[in-house]
Amino acid sequence: PRMEMKVMTEIKACFLFAVRYRLAMNDSKFMVKTQINPFWGEEEEKG
């Protein structure tokens, strides 16, 4: 059971980290786009 608990804790930690990372990335991207240049995404698509 000891090993199982360790694995579960690691999986939980990784999951929480991934969720937080994704939220942070979404927030920063949104803020950068709206604050610096609202048409940045469209220009990026054109290349």
PDB file of N, CA and C in Angstrom:
ATOM      1  N   PRO A   1       0.824  -1.215   0.000  1.00  0.00           N
ATOM      2  CA  PRO A   1       0.000   0.000   0.000  1.00  0.00           C
ATOM      3  C   PRO A   1       0.855   1.259   0.000  1.00  0.00           C
ATOM      4  N   ARG A   2       2.054   1.150   0.564  1.00  0.00           N
ATOM      5  CA  ARG A   2       2.928   2.320   0.650  1.00  0.00           C
ATOM      6  C   ARG A   2       3.287   2.816  -0.756  1.00  0.00           C
ATOM      7  N   MET A   3       3.662   1.900  -1.626  1.00  0.00           N
ATOM      8  CA  MET A   3       4.035   2.281  -2.987  1.00  0.00           C
ATOM      9  C   MET A   3       2.823   2.876  -3.712  1.00  0.00           C
ATOM     10  N   GLU A   4       1.666   2.273  -3.520  1.00  0.00           N
ATOM     11  CA  GLU A   4       0.461   2.786  -4.178  1.00  0.00           C
ATOM     12  C   GLU A   4       0.193   4.230  -3.776  1.00  0.00           C
ATOM     13  N   MET A   5       0.302   4.497  -2.492  1.00  0.00           N
ATOM     14  CA  MET A   5       0.058   5.860  -2.008  1.00  0.00           C
ATOM     15  C   MET A   5       1.039   6.837  -2.637  1.00  0.00           C
ATOM     16  N   LYS A   6       2.291   6.425  -2.756  1.00  0.00           N
ATOM     17  CA  LYS A   6       3.304   7.309  -3.341  1.00  0.00           C
ATOM     18  C   LYS A   6       2.939   7.615  -4.794  1.00  0.00           C
ATOM     19  N   VAL A   7       2.570   6.584  -5.537  1.00  0.00           N
ATOM     20  CA  VAL A   7       2.214   6.782  -6.945  1.00  0.00           C
ATOM     21  C   VAL A   7       1.007   7.706  -7.062  1.00  0.00           C
ATOM     22  N   MET A   8      -0.001   7.459  -6.235  1.00  0.00           N
ATOM     23  CA  MET A   8      -1.202   8.299  -6.283  1.00  0.00           C
ATOM     24  C   MET A   8      -0.865   9.756  -5.980  1.00  0.00           C
ATOM     25  N   THR A   9      -0.003   9.966  -4.999  1.00  0.00           N
ATOM     26  CA  THR A   9       0.376  11.331  -4.636  1.00  0.00           C
ATOM     27  C   THR A   9       1.096  12.004  -5.799  1.00  0.00           C
ATOM     28  N   GLU A  10       1.968  11.249  -6.461  1.00  0.00           N
ATOM     29  CA  GLU A  10       2.711  11.828  -7.589  1.00  0.00           C
ATOM     30  C   GLU A  10       1.767  12.168  -8.730  1.00  0.00           C
ATOM     31  N   ILE A  11       0.830  11.262  -9.010  1.00  0.00           N
ATOM     32  CA  ILE A  11      -0.129  11.511 -10.096  1.00  0.00           C
ATOM     33  C   ILE A  11      -0.956  12.754  -9.775  1.00  0.00           C
ATOM     34  N   LYS A  12      -1.405  12.848  -8.516  1.00  0.00           N
ATOM     35  CA  LYS A  12      -2.203  14.015  -8.113  1.00  0.00           C
ATOM     36  C   LYS A  12      -1.390  15.289  -8.288  1.00  0.00           C
ATOM     37  N   ALA A  13      -0.133  15.261  -7.861  1.00  0.00           N
ATOM     38  CA  ALA A  13       0.717  16.446  -7.950  1.00  0.00           C
ATOM     39  C   ALA A  13       0.912  16.843  -9.413  1.00  0.00           C
ATOM     40  N   CYS A  14       1.180  15.862 -10.258  1.00  0.00           N
ATOM     41  CA  CYS A  14       1.393  16.146 -11.684  1.00  0.00           C
ATOM     42  C   CYS A  14       0.125  16.733 -12.297  1.00  0.00           C
ATOM     43  N   PHE A  15      -1.016  16.158 -11.926  1.00  0.00           N
ATOM     44  CA  PHE A  15      -2.284  16.625 -12.482  1.00  0.00           C
ATOM     45  C   PHE A  15      -2.545  18.073 -12.079  1.00  0.00           C
ATOM     46  N   LEU A  16      -2.375  18.356 -10.781  1.00  0.00           N
ATOM     47  CA  LEU A  16      -2.603  19.724 -10.304  1.00  0.00           C
ATOM     48  C   LEU A  16      -1.645  20.687 -10.991  1.00  0.00           C
ATOM     49  N   PHE A  17      -0.388  20.266 -11.148  1.00  0.00           N
ATOM     50  CA  PHE A  17       0.600  21.130 -11.789  1.00  0.00           C
ATOM     51  C   PHE A  17       0.194  21.415 -13.235  1.00  0.00           C
ATOM     52  N   ALA A  18      -0.253  20.377 -13.939  1.00  0.00           N
ATOM     53  CA  ALA A  18      -0.641  20.548 -15.339  1.00  0.00           C
ATOM     54  C   ALA A  18      -1.831  21.502 -15.449  1.00  0.00           C
ATOM     55  N   VAL A  19      -2.800  21.330 -14.550  1.00  0.00           N
ATOM     56  CA  VAL A  19      -3.981  22.201 -14.592  1.00  0.00           C
ATOM     57  C   VAL A  19      -3.578  23.646 -14.333  1.00  0.00           C
ATOM     58  N   ARG A  20      -2.767  23.845 -13.289  1.00  0.00           N
ATOM     59  CA  ARG A  20      -2.328  25.213 -12.969  1.00  0.00           C
ATOM     60  C   ARG A  20      -1.529  25.797 -14.127  1.00  0.00           C
ATOM     61  N   TYR A  21      -0.653  24.984 -14.724  1.00  0.00           N
ATOM     62  CA  TYR A  21       0.183  25.460 -15.826  1.00  0.00           C
ATOM     63  C   TYR A  21      -0.690  25.889 -17.005  1.00  0.00           C
ATOM     64  N   ARG A  22      -1.694  25.073 -17.324  1.00  0.00           N
ATOM     65  CA  ARG A  22      -2.567  25.394 -18.454  1.00  0.00           C
ATOM     66  C   ARG A  22      -3.334  26.686 -18.192  1.00  0.00           C
ATOM     67  N   LEU A  23      -3.863  26.808 -16.977  1.00  0.00           N
ATOM     68  CA  LEU A  23      -4.605  28.027 -16.639  1.00  0.00           C
ATOM     69  C   LEU A  23      -3.685  29.242 -16.739  1.00  0.00           C
ATOM     70  N   ALA A  24      -2.469  29.114 -16.239  1.00  0.00           N
ATOM     71  CA  ALA A  24      -1.532  30.237 -16.278  1.00  0.00           C
ATOM     72  C   ALA A  24      -1.208  30.594 -17.722  1.00  0.00           C
ATOM     73  N   MET A  25      -0.983  29.585 -18.562  1.00  0.00           N
ATOM     74  CA  MET A  25      -0.658  29.844 -19.968  1.00  0.00           C
ATOM     75  C   MET A  25      -1.825  30.552 -20.650  1.00  0.00           C
ATOM     76  N   ASN A  26      -3.040  30.061 -20.427  1.00  0.00           N
ATOM     77  CA  ASN A  26      -4.218  30.685 -21.047  1.00  0.00           C
ATOM     78  C   ASN A  26      -4.345  32.132 -20.600  1.00  0.00           C
ATOM     79  N   ASP A  27      -4.174  32.384 -19.310  1.00  0.00           N
ATOM     80  CA  ASP A  27      -4.305  33.742 -18.791  1.00  0.00           C
ATOM     81  C   ASP A  27      -3.254  34.661 -19.404  1.00  0.00           C
ATOM     82  N   SER A  28      -1.994  34.217 -19.419  1.00  0.00           N
ATOM     83  CA  SER A  28      -0.923  35.078 -19.920  1.00  0.00           C
ATOM     84  C   SER A  28      -1.105  35.341 -21.412  1.00  0.00           C
ATOM     85  N   LYS A  29      -1.487  34.311 -22.169  1.00  0.00           N
ATOM     86  CA  LYS A  29      -1.692  34.503 -23.605  1.00  0.00           C
ATOM     87  C   LYS A  29      -2.811  35.513 -23.841  1.00  0.00           C
ATOM     88  N   PHE A  30      -3.904  35.349 -23.120  1.00  0.00           N
ATOM     89  CA  PHE A  30      -5.050  36.244 -23.285  1.00  0.00           C
ATOM     90  C   PHE A  30      -4.663  37.669 -22.932  1.00  0.00           C
ATOM     91  N   MET A  31      -3.956  37.833 -21.826  1.00  0.00           N
ATOM     92  CA  MET A  31      -3.563  39.170 -21.389  1.00  0.00           C
ATOM     93  C   MET A  31      -2.612  39.803 -22.398  1.00  0.00           C
ATOM     94  N   VAL A  32      -1.643  39.039 -22.866  1.00  0.00           N
ATOM     95  CA  VAL A  32      -0.676  39.574 -23.829  1.00  0.00           C
ATOM     96  C   VAL A  32      -1.398  40.004 -25.100  1.00  0.00           C
ATOM     97  N   LYS A  33      -2.305  39.159 -25.582  1.00  0.00           N
ATOM     98  CA  LYS A  33      -3.014  39.472 -26.821  1.00  0.00           C
ATOM     99  C   LYS A  33      -3.835  40.746 -26.667  1.00  0.00           C
ATOM    100  N   THR A  34      -4.587  40.858 -25.586  1.00  0.00           N
ATOM    101  CA  THR A  34      -5.500  41.994 -25.445  1.00  0.00           C
ATOM    102  C   THR A  34      -4.746  43.273 -25.121  1.00  0.00           C
ATOM    103  N   GLN A  35      -3.656  43.170 -24.369  1.00  0.00           N
ATOM    104  CA  GLN A  35      -2.952  44.380 -23.937  1.00  0.00           C
ATOM    105  C   GLN A  35      -2.032  44.913 -25.032  1.00  0.00           C
ATOM    106  N   ILE A  36      -1.298  44.022 -25.704  1.00  0.00           N
ATOM    107  CA  ILE A  36      -0.287  44.484 -26.656  1.00  0.00           C
ATOM    108  C   ILE A  36      -0.905  44.676 -28.039  1.00  0.00           C
ATOM    109  N   ASN A  37      -1.544  43.638 -28.571  1.00  0.00           N
ATOM    110  CA  ASN A  37      -2.063  43.732 -29.933  1.00  0.00           C
ATOM    111  C   ASN A  37      -3.241  42.775 -30.097  1.00  0.00           C
ATOM    112  N   PRO A  38      -4.452  43.303 -30.242  1.00  0.00           N
ATOM    113  CA  PRO A  38      -5.631  42.441 -30.357  1.00  0.00           C
ATOM    114  C   PRO A  38      -5.634  41.595 -31.625  1.00  0.00           C
ATOM    115  N   PHE A  39      -4.913  42.017 -32.662  1.00  0.00           N
ATOM    116  CA  PHE A  39      -4.919  41.278 -33.931  1.00  0.00           C
ATOM    117  C   PHE A  39      -3.707  40.363 -34.061  1.00  0.00           C
ATOM    118  N   TRP A  40      -3.015  40.128 -32.945  1.00  0.00           N
ATOM    119  CA  TRP A  40      -1.793  39.334 -32.974  1.00  0.00           C
ATOM    120  C   TRP A  40      -2.083  37.921 -33.484  1.00  0.00           C
ATOM    121  N   GLY A  41      -3.205  37.322 -33.040  1.00  0.00           N
ATOM    122  CA  GLY A  41      -3.542  35.957 -33.448  1.00  0.00           C
ATOM    123  C   GLY A  41      -3.760  35.866 -34.946  1.00  0.00           C
ATOM    124  N   GLU A  42      -4.441  36.856 -35.536  1.00  0.00           N
ATOM    125  CA  GLU A  42      -4.727  36.812 -36.966  1.00  0.00           C
ATOM    126  C   GLU A  42      -3.438  36.919 -37.769  1.00  0.00           C
ATOM    127  N   GLU A  43      -2.539  37.809 -37.343  1.00  0.00           N
ATOM    128  CA  GLU A  43      -1.274  37.956 -38.057  1.00  0.00           C
ATOM    129  C   GLU A  43      -0.454  36.675 -37.961  1.00  0.00           C
ATOM    130  N   GLU A  44      -0.533  36.013 -36.799  1.00  0.00           N
ATOM    131  CA  GLU A  44       0.233  34.795 -36.594  1.00  0.00           C
ATOM    132  C   GLU A  44      -0.238  33.718 -37.566  1.00  0.00           C
ATOM    133  N   GLU A  45      -1.548  33.643 -37.804  1.00  0.00           N
ATOM    134  CA  GLU A  45      -2.090  32.622 -38.691  1.00  0.00           C
ATOM    135  C   GLU A  45      -1.602  32.835 -40.120  1.00  0.00           C
ATOM    136  N   LYS A  46      -1.509  34.084 -40.548  1.00  0.00           N
ATOM    137  CA  LYS A  46      -1.053  34.363 -41.910  1.00  0.00           C
ATOM    138  C   LYS A  46       0.411  33.978 -42.088  1.00  0.00           C
ATOM    139  N   GLY A  47       1.188  34.104 -41.014  1.00  0.00           N
ATOM    140  CA  GLY A  47       2.604  33.781 -41.130  1.00  0.00           C
ATOM    141  C   GLY A  47       3.365  35.041 -41.315  1.00  0.00           C
TER     142      GLY A  47
END
